[in-house]
Amino acid sequence: MNKRVTIEMPEEMHEAITEHAAKAGAKTDAYVLDLIEQHLEDLHDIALAEAAMERIRDGEPTYTLEEVKLRLGLDD
């Protein structure tokens, strides 16, 4: 089920969003929804990367591409 959200933003920001949406051939609402979705995906990716970095800092081993190929028998 979709939910409606109303926000207030500076006029300059609204104009910029409207302009970018027009250049992309999209309606402003759809463009803003896409921007929010992309940002949420970026936040998720950042969280995964930070968790991986923490595991590496805690001593989880890493492997080079060559080591992985050798272990998997793909070094042909």
Protein backbone atom coordinates (compact mmCIF):
# COMPACT_ATOMS: atom_id res chain seq x y z
CA MET A 1 0.00 0.00 0.00
CA ASN A 2 1.39 3.37 -0.98
CA LYS A 3 1.62 6.24 1.47
CA ARG A 4 1.63 9.93 0.64
CA VAL A 5 4.28 12.19 2.17
CA THR A 6 4.26 15.97 1.97
CA ILE A 7 7.46 17.92 2.50
CA GLU A 8 8.42 21.56 2.39
CA MET A 9 11.60 22.51 0.60
CA PRO A 10 13.27 25.69 -0.55
CA GLU A 11 11.99 27.01 -3.87
CA GLU A 12 15.47 26.68 -5.41
CA MET A 13 15.59 22.98 -4.53
CA HIS A 14 12.14 22.38 -5.98
CA GLU A 15 13.14 24.16 -9.19
CA ALA A 16 16.32 22.07 -9.45
CA ILE A 17 14.40 18.83 -8.92
CA THR A 18 11.76 19.84 -11.46
CA GLU A 19 14.46 20.73 -13.98
CA HIS A 20 16.33 17.45 -13.50
CA ALA A 21 13.09 15.47 -13.72
CA ALA A 22 12.22 17.18 -17.00
CA LYS A 23 15.66 16.41 -18.42
CA ALA A 24 15.20 12.77 -17.39
CA GLY A 25 11.76 12.69 -18.98
CA ALA A 26 10.07 11.94 -15.68
CA LYS A 27 7.33 13.46 -13.60
CA THR A 28 8.62 15.30 -10.55
CA ASP A 29 6.96 12.93 -8.06
CA ALA A 30 8.39 9.85 -9.77
CA TYR A 31 11.81 11.49 -9.96
CA VAL A 32 11.82 12.31 -6.23
CA LEU A 33 10.70 8.77 -5.39
CA ASP A 34 13.57 7.42 -7.50
CA LEU A 35 16.04 9.74 -5.74
CA ILE A 36 14.88 8.53 -2.33
CA GLU A 37 15.07 4.88 -3.41
CA GLN A 38 18.61 5.37 -4.75
CA HIS A 39 19.67 7.09 -1.54
CA LEU A 40 18.27 4.27 0.61
CA GLU A 41 20.13 1.72 -1.53
CA ASP A 42 23.33 3.76 -1.10
CA LEU A 43 22.85 3.80 2.68
CA HIS A 44 22.39 0.03 2.66
CA ASP A 45 25.54 -0.45 0.57
CA ILE A 46 27.51 1.84 2.90
CA ALA A 47 26.35 -0.14 5.94
CA LEU A 48 27.46 -3.40 4.28
CA ALA A 49 30.85 -1.90 3.37
CA GLU A 50 31.36 -0.58 6.91
CA ALA A 51 30.50 -4.00 8.36
CA ALA A 52 32.99 -5.65 5.99
CA MET A 53 35.69 -3.15 6.96
CA GLU A 54 35.02 -3.86 10.63
CA ARG A 55 35.40 -7.62 10.04
CA ILE A 56 38.70 -6.98 8.24
CA ARG A 57 39.91 -4.75 11.10
CA ASP A 58 38.97 -7.58 13.49
CA GLY A 59 41.25 -9.94 11.59
CA GLU A 60 39.01 -11.69 9.06
CA PRO A 61 41.33 -12.91 6.32
CA THR A 62 41.22 -11.49 2.82
CA TYR A 63 42.41 -13.08 -0.41
CA THR A 64 43.80 -11.76 -3.66
CA LEU A 65 42.11 -12.64 -6.94
CA GLU A 66 45.05 -14.89 -7.76
CA GLU A 67 44.65 -16.79 -4.46
CA VAL A 68 40.93 -17.29 -5.09
CA LYS A 69 41.55 -18.55 -8.63
CA LEU A 70 44.18 -20.97 -7.33
CA ARG A 71 41.91 -22.27 -4.54
CA LEU A 72 39.03 -22.79 -7.00
CA GLY A 73 41.21 -24.34 -9.67
CA LEU A 74 40.56 -21.49 -12.09
CA ASP A 75 44.19 -20.61 -12.72
CA ASP A 76 44.20 -22.22 -16.18
